[in-house]
Amino acid sequence: MATLRKLLAMMLCLVVFHSISHAWGDVGHMSVAWVAYQKLTPQSKARVAKLLAQNPYYKTKWKTMIPAGTSAADRKLMMFMIAATWPDQIKGDKAYKNDGTANGDRPPAGPSASQNKGYTDHARHKYWHFTDMPFAVDSTPLPPVPNPNAGTQIELFRQTLASNKSDKLKSFDLVWLLHLVGDVHQPLHSATRVSSTDPQGDAGGNGVKLAVPKGELHAFWDGLPGSDHAAAAITPAMKYGKGLAAADPTLAQDDKISDWVSESLKIAQDSVYSDPILAGDGPFSINDVYTEAARKIAAQRVELAGERLANLINNNLK
């Protein structure tokens, strides 16, 4: 009966999490975390394990996703990987609510948008997941960049890790950092194309339709590392992470968040919005040449995000 209950709990996680749209997808975010974990110091590994245990999902949901018979060391690694998806997991939890406008994608007015009070905060803060840097393909004026955003929050949460604030708050900020560092390395989480037909931008490619494969440009890039979700994403993410080439050491050591965002913006301009993604909102048909180039970019960005995340934790976490 205990085995049956564990299987049912895992199936429930799969159903709940599969219906939610994730940045990079669960495989991508878990792969970023896998890369980072390989480069954490022993002291950092011990510290993050203690902090992650304070997350409200730790016992009730995350433990059910770990395969039976997993070693203690691999359990800690897998918990770290799963934790990187928590800011997406809460999008499907009725205990959490959208705040702000545009279905929660734009921050509300007032201090609640950038509050940092820990797990008592049940706002989803969907606008923390991206930094939509606008660029124009015509003479349309550029809209302002919404604030707060992924960049501002990474800096805020990094400061918390380096402070003497409570472990409960550090736990909250850590799981957000595991996720957001991955987010800003996805080119369409740091760019939005502005034009006369999209004067406020195309929402990071969410407004660009694809005929082949059917869907949206943003979702296509999210899914490049893999499309599995929840518990089913753990093994593919580990395999994907192991297959990545090491990042350029100089780039990996760059801890300026503005550089991370600027890199993604340039990739979007040069490679995401390139043939066959033409002017307008489509629908466009992705070809094999574009897909292969996109896969290479995604692999480089996931690896670089993971190495930078490890450096952030090793250099800041107290």
Protein backbone atom coordinates (compact mmCIF):
# COMPACT_ATOMS: atom_id res chain seq x y z
CA MET A 1 0.00 0.00 0.00
CA ALA A 2 2.85 2.40 0.78
CA THR A 3 4.31 1.78 -2.70
CA LEU A 4 0.89 2.36 -4.28
CA ARG A 5 0.42 5.64 -2.37
CA LYS A 6 3.85 6.85 -3.50
CA LEU A 7 3.04 5.94 -7.13
CA LEU A 8 -0.30 7.78 -6.97
CA ALA A 9 1.37 10.85 -5.45
CA MET A 10 3.98 10.88 -8.22
CA MET A 11 1.25 10.56 -10.88
CA LEU A 12 -0.61 13.49 -9.32
CA CYS A 13 2.55 15.59 -9.49
CA LEU A 14 2.93 14.71 -13.15
CA VAL A 15 -0.65 15.69 -13.97
CA VAL A 16 -0.50 18.97 -12.08
CA PHE A 17 2.90 20.08 -13.31
CA HIS A 18 2.42 18.95 -16.94
CA SER A 19 -0.40 21.41 -17.45
CA ILE A 20 1.73 24.41 -16.53
CA SER A 21 3.88 26.42 -18.93
CA HIS A 22 7.49 26.52 -17.77
CA ALA A 23 10.39 28.72 -18.82
CA TRP A 24 13.09 26.47 -20.32
CA GLY A 25 10.78 23.61 -19.31
CA ASP A 26 11.48 21.42 -16.31
CA VAL A 27 14.29 19.61 -18.14
CA GLY A 28 16.02 22.92 -18.87
CA HIS A 29 15.75 24.29 -15.35
CA MET A 30 16.79 20.99 -13.79
CA SER A 31 19.74 20.81 -16.20
CA VAL A 32 20.91 24.27 -15.11
CA ALA A 33 20.71 23.07 -11.52
CA TRP A 34 22.54 19.82 -12.35
CA VAL A 35 25.42 21.78 -13.89
CA ALA A 36 25.53 24.12 -10.91
CA TYR A 37 25.53 21.30 -8.35
CA GLN A 38 28.63 19.72 -9.89
CA LYS A 39 30.55 22.93 -9.17
CA LEU A 40 29.28 23.70 -5.67
CA THR A 41 31.81 23.43 -2.86
CA PRO A 42 31.14 20.79 -0.19
CA GLN A 43 30.26 23.62 2.20
CA SER A 44 27.74 25.07 -0.26
CA LYS A 45 26.17 21.64 -0.86
CA ALA A 46 25.64 21.14 2.85
CA ARG A 47 24.22 24.64 3.25
CA VAL A 48 21.77 24.43 0.35
CA ALA A 49 20.54 21.03 1.52
CA LYS A 50 19.65 22.55 4.88
CA LEU A 51 17.92 25.53 3.28
CA LEU A 52 15.91 23.54 0.73
CA ALA A 53 14.47 21.36 3.51
CA GLN A 54 12.55 24.44 4.70
CA ASN A 55 10.54 24.76 1.48
CA PRO A 56 6.84 23.88 2.03
CA TYR A 57 6.94 21.41 -0.89
CA TYR A 58 10.00 19.56 0.40
CA LYS A 59 8.23 16.77 2.27
CA THR A 60 4.80 16.86 0.67
CA LYS A 61 5.75 16.91 -3.03
CA TRP A 62 9.46 16.84 -3.75
CA LYS A 63 10.19 13.64 -1.82
CA THR A 64 7.54 11.78 -3.82
CA MET A 65 9.45 12.60 -7.01
CA ILE A 66 12.67 10.85 -5.91
CA PRO A 67 12.94 7.24 -7.22
CA ALA A 68 13.03 4.53 -4.59
CA GLY A 69 16.52 3.28 -3.79
CA THR A 70 18.24 6.57 -4.68
CA SER A 71 21.45 7.10 -2.72
CA ALA A 72 21.67 9.86 -0.12
CA ALA A 73 24.06 11.88 -2.27
CA ASP A 74 21.85 11.61 -5.36
CA ARG A 75 18.78 12.50 -3.32
CA LYS A 76 20.39 15.81 -2.39
CA LEU A 77 21.30 16.45 -6.02
CA MET A 78 17.77 15.64 -7.19
CA MET A 79 16.21 17.84 -4.53
CA PHE A 80 18.40 20.69 -5.76
CA MET A 81 17.25 20.04 -9.34
CA ILE A 82 13.57 19.83 -8.40
CA ALA A 83 13.82 23.00 -6.31
CA ALA A 84 14.82 24.91 -9.44
CA THR A 85 11.30 24.37 -10.79
CA TRP A 86 9.43 25.57 -7.67
CA PRO A 87 8.59 29.09 -8.98
CA ASP A 88 6.83 27.35 -11.89
CA GLN A 89 5.23 24.69 -9.67
CA ILE A 90 3.30 27.32 -7.71
CA LYS A 91 1.64 28.56 -10.90
CA GLY A 92 -0.64 25.53 -10.64
CA ASP A 93 -1.17 25.66 -6.87
CA LYS A 94 -4.49 27.19 -5.83
CA ALA A 95 -2.91 28.38 -2.60
CA TYR A 96 -0.98 30.91 -4.70
CA LYS A 97 -2.56 33.77 -6.62
CA ASN A 98 -1.67 35.89 -9.62
CA ASP A 99 -0.94 39.48 -8.74
CA GLY A 100 -0.62 42.42 -11.05
CA THR A 101 -2.15 42.81 -14.50
CA ALA A 102 -2.04 40.94 -17.84
CA ASN A 103 -2.84 37.64 -16.09
CA GLY A 104 -0.12 38.39 -13.58
CA ASP A 105 2.63 39.03 -16.14
CA ARG A 106 2.89 42.74 -15.33
CA PRO A 107 3.76 43.92 -11.81
CA PRO A 108 1.15 45.61 -9.64
CA ALA A 109 1.67 49.15 -8.45
CA GLY A 110 3.14 49.48 -4.97
CA PRO A 111 5.71 47.72 -2.81
CA SER A 112 4.13 44.25 -2.98
CA ALA A 113 5.64 43.71 -6.44
CA SER A 114 9.19 43.58 -5.09
CA GLN A 115 8.51 42.37 -1.57
CA ASN A 116 10.81 39.75 -0.12
CA LYS A 117 9.13 38.23 2.89
CA GLY A 118 9.59 34.51 2.31
CA TYR A 119 7.13 31.64 2.19
CA THR A 120 4.29 33.64 3.73
CA ASP A 121 4.14 35.37 0.34
CA HIS A 122 1.52 33.56 -1.74
CA ALA A 123 1.73 35.81 -4.79
CA ARG A 124 3.03 34.03 -7.89
CA HIS A 125 5.10 37.04 -9.04
CA LYS A 126 5.05 35.81 -12.64
CA TYR A 127 6.68 39.08 -13.72
CA TRP A 128 9.83 38.08 -11.82
CA HIS A 129 10.54 35.42 -14.46
CA PHE A 130 11.75 37.71 -17.23
CA THR A 131 13.41 41.00 -18.11
CA ASP A 132 11.75 42.04 -21.35
CA MET A 133 14.38 44.28 -22.96
CA PRO A 134 12.65 45.87 -25.96
CA PHE A 135 14.19 46.27 -29.39
CA ALA A 136 12.48 47.69 -32.47
CA VAL A 137 12.49 46.57 -36.09
CA ASP A 138 11.04 49.89 -37.24
CA SER A 139 10.67 53.40 -35.85
CA THR A 140 8.19 52.41 -33.12
CA PRO A 141 9.19 53.97 -29.75
CA LEU A 142 10.44 51.49 -27.19
CA PRO A 143 8.22 50.87 -24.14
CA PRO A 144 9.78 50.97 -20.65
CA VAL A 145 11.18 47.80 -19.12
CA PRO A 146 8.80 46.60 -16.36
CA ASN A 147 10.23 46.81 -12.86
CA PRO A 148 10.70 44.65 -10.82
CA ASN A 149 11.89 41.91 -13.14
CA ALA A 150 14.19 38.89 -13.17
CA GLY A 151 17.32 41.03 -13.09
CA THR A 152 16.28 43.15 -10.13
CA GLN A 153 15.16 40.09 -8.18
CA ILE A 154 18.34 38.11 -8.79
CA GLU A 155 20.31 41.01 -7.33
CA LEU A 156 17.95 41.31 -4.35
CA PHE A 157 18.03 37.59 -3.59
CA ARG A 158 21.80 37.43 -4.02
CA GLN A 159 22.14 40.12 -1.37
CA THR A 160 19.95 38.08 0.97
CA LEU A 161 22.17 35.01 0.62
CA ALA A 162 25.19 37.12 1.59
CA SER A 163 23.42 38.70 4.57
CA ASN A 164 22.70 37.62 8.14
CA LYS A 165 18.98 37.31 7.47
CA SER A 166 17.01 34.24 8.54
CA ASP A 167 17.46 30.83 6.96
CA LYS A 168 13.74 30.79 6.21
CA LEU A 169 14.09 33.85 3.99
CA LYS A 170 17.31 32.52 2.47
CA SER A 171 15.50 29.30 1.57
CA PHE A 172 12.81 31.26 -0.31
CA ASP A 173 15.38 33.41 -2.10
CA LEU A 174 17.55 30.42 -2.97
CA VAL A 175 14.79 28.54 -4.79
CA TRP A 176 13.92 31.68 -6.72
CA LEU A 177 17.59 32.15 -7.65
CA LEU A 178 17.87 28.55 -8.86
CA HIS A 179 15.07 29.35 -11.26
CA LEU A 180 15.68 32.96 -12.28
CA VAL A 181 19.34 32.53 -13.21
CA GLY A 182 18.15 29.93 -15.71
CA ASP A 183 15.37 32.20 -16.90
CA VAL A 184 17.54 35.16 -17.87
CA HIS A 185 19.78 32.88 -19.95
CA GLN A 186 16.82 31.90 -22.13
CA PRO A 187 16.99 34.55 -24.88
CA LEU A 188 13.24 35.14 -24.98
CA HIS A 189 13.17 35.87 -21.24
CA SER A 190 15.36 38.91 -21.86
CA ALA A 191 13.92 40.31 -25.09
CA THR A 192 10.70 41.48 -26.67
CA ARG A 193 10.36 42.57 -30.30
CA VAL A 194 8.63 45.93 -30.78
CA SER A 195 6.95 47.02 -34.00
CA SER A 196 4.02 49.06 -35.25
CA THR A 197 1.84 45.96 -34.89
CA ASP A 198 3.27 45.16 -31.41
CA PRO A 199 4.01 48.58 -29.88
CA GLN A 200 4.34 47.07 -26.39
CA GLY A 201 6.39 44.15 -27.66
CA ASP A 202 5.52 40.56 -28.52
CA ALA A 203 5.87 39.34 -24.89
CA GLY A 204 9.15 37.56 -25.46
CA GLY A 205 7.89 35.72 -28.53
CA ASN A 206 4.66 34.59 -26.90
CA GLY A 207 2.82 36.66 -29.49
CA VAL A 208 4.63 35.02 -32.42
CA LYS A 209 2.73 32.02 -33.79
CA LEU A 210 4.29 28.95 -35.37
CA ALA A 211 2.62 26.68 -37.90
CA VAL A 212 5.42 24.08 -37.73
CA PRO A 213 5.78 23.00 -35.00
CA LYS A 214 2.38 24.31 -34.01
CA GLY A 215 2.53 26.71 -31.08
CA GLU A 216 4.42 29.86 -30.16
CA LEU A 217 8.02 30.93 -30.64
CA HIS A 218 8.56 31.34 -26.91
CA ALA A 219 7.36 27.81 -26.17
CA PHE A 220 9.60 26.42 -28.92
CA TRP A 221 12.68 27.92 -27.22
CA ASP A 222 11.50 26.86 -23.76
CA GLY A 223 11.35 23.25 -24.89
CA LEU A 224 14.72 22.95 -26.62
CA PRO A 225 16.49 21.09 -23.74
CA GLY A 226 13.55 18.67 -23.42
CA SER A 227 9.81 18.49 -22.86
CA ASP A 228 9.42 16.13 -19.89
CA HIS A 229 7.86 17.46 -16.67
CA ALA A 230 8.11 16.92 -12.93
CA ALA A 231 9.53 13.54 -11.85
CA ALA A 232 9.83 12.40 -15.47
CA ALA A 233 12.24 15.28 -16.16
CA ILE A 234 14.91 14.28 -13.63
CA THR A 235 16.67 11.58 -15.67
CA PRO A 236 16.54 13.47 -19.01
CA ALA A 237 17.88 16.58 -17.26
CA MET A 238 20.81 14.66 -15.78
CA LYS A 239 21.58 13.16 -19.20
CA TYR A 240 21.32 16.56 -20.89
CA GLY A 241 23.56 18.21 -18.30
CA LYS A 242 26.22 15.50 -18.61
CA GLY A 243 26.34 16.02 -22.37
CA LEU A 244 27.06 19.75 -22.23
CA ALA A 245 30.46 21.24 -23.04
CA ALA A 246 32.10 23.44 -20.43
CA ALA A 247 31.50 27.17 -20.76
CA ASP A 248 34.18 29.71 -21.55
CA PRO A 249 35.89 30.29 -18.15
CA THR A 250 35.93 34.07 -18.54
CA LEU A 251 32.21 34.18 -19.34
CA ALA A 252 31.42 31.80 -16.49
CA GLN A 253 33.13 34.10 -13.99
CA ASP A 254 31.11 37.14 -15.15
CA ASP A 255 28.77 37.91 -12.24
CA LYS A 256 27.17 41.05 -13.70
CA ILE A 257 23.49 40.30 -14.13
CA SER A 258 23.17 43.09 -16.70
CA ASP A 259 25.70 41.22 -18.86
CA TRP A 260 23.66 38.02 -18.65
CA VAL A 261 20.55 39.88 -19.82
CA SER A 262 22.43 41.75 -22.56
CA GLU A 263 23.83 38.47 -23.90
CA SER A 264 20.35 37.00 -24.16
CA LEU A 265 19.01 40.14 -25.83
CA LYS A 266 21.74 40.02 -28.50
CA ILE A 267 21.11 36.33 -29.14
CA ALA A 268 17.41 37.08 -29.55
CA GLN A 269 18.13 39.88 -32.02
CA ASP A 270 20.71 37.93 -34.02
CA SER A 271 19.50 34.34 -33.86
CA VAL A 272 15.97 33.99 -32.46
CA TYR A 273 14.33 36.56 -34.72
CA SER A 274 16.06 35.32 -37.85
CA ASP A 275 14.93 33.52 -40.98
CA PRO A 276 12.35 31.95 -41.02
CA ILE A 277 11.06 34.19 -38.19
CA LEU A 278 10.29 37.28 -40.24
CA ALA A 279 8.45 40.54 -39.53
CA GLY A 280 5.00 40.22 -37.99
CA ASP A 281 3.49 37.62 -35.73
CA GLY A 282 3.36 34.69 -38.15
CA PRO A 283 2.50 31.94 -38.35
CA PHE A 284 5.99 30.82 -39.37
CA SER A 285 7.37 27.35 -40.05
CA ILE A 286 10.58 26.38 -38.29
CA ASN A 287 13.07 24.50 -40.47
CA ASP A 288 15.85 22.05 -39.60
CA VAL A 289 18.62 24.64 -39.98
CA TYR A 290 16.97 27.01 -37.50
CA THR A 291 16.22 24.15 -35.09
CA GLU A 292 19.80 22.87 -35.06
CA ALA A 293 21.21 26.35 -34.47
CA ALA A 294 18.68 26.95 -31.69
CA ARG A 295 19.60 23.68 -29.97
CA LYS A 296 23.27 24.63 -29.92
CA ILE A 297 22.47 28.03 -28.44
CA ALA A 298 20.21 26.50 -25.79
CA ALA A 299 22.93 24.03 -24.76
CA GLN A 300 25.48 26.83 -24.40
CA ARG A 301 23.08 28.99 -22.39
CA VAL A 302 22.07 26.18 -20.02
CA GLU A 303 25.70 25.32 -19.29
CA LEU A 304 26.68 28.94 -18.79
CA ALA A 305 23.68 29.55 -16.52
CA GLY A 306 24.61 26.54 -14.39
CA GLU A 307 28.23 27.58 -13.98
CA ARG A 308 27.26 31.14 -13.11
CA LEU A 309 24.65 29.90 -10.65
CA ALA A 310 27.27 27.81 -8.88
CA ASN A 311 29.61 30.79 -8.65
CA LEU A 312 26.81 32.96 -7.30
CA ILE A 313 26.05 30.45 -4.54
CA ASN A 314 29.67 29.65 -3.69
CA ASN A 315 30.62 33.33 -3.53
CA ASN A 316 27.60 34.64 -1.63
CA LEU A 317 25.84 32.05 0.50
CA LYS A 318 26.44 32.46 4.23
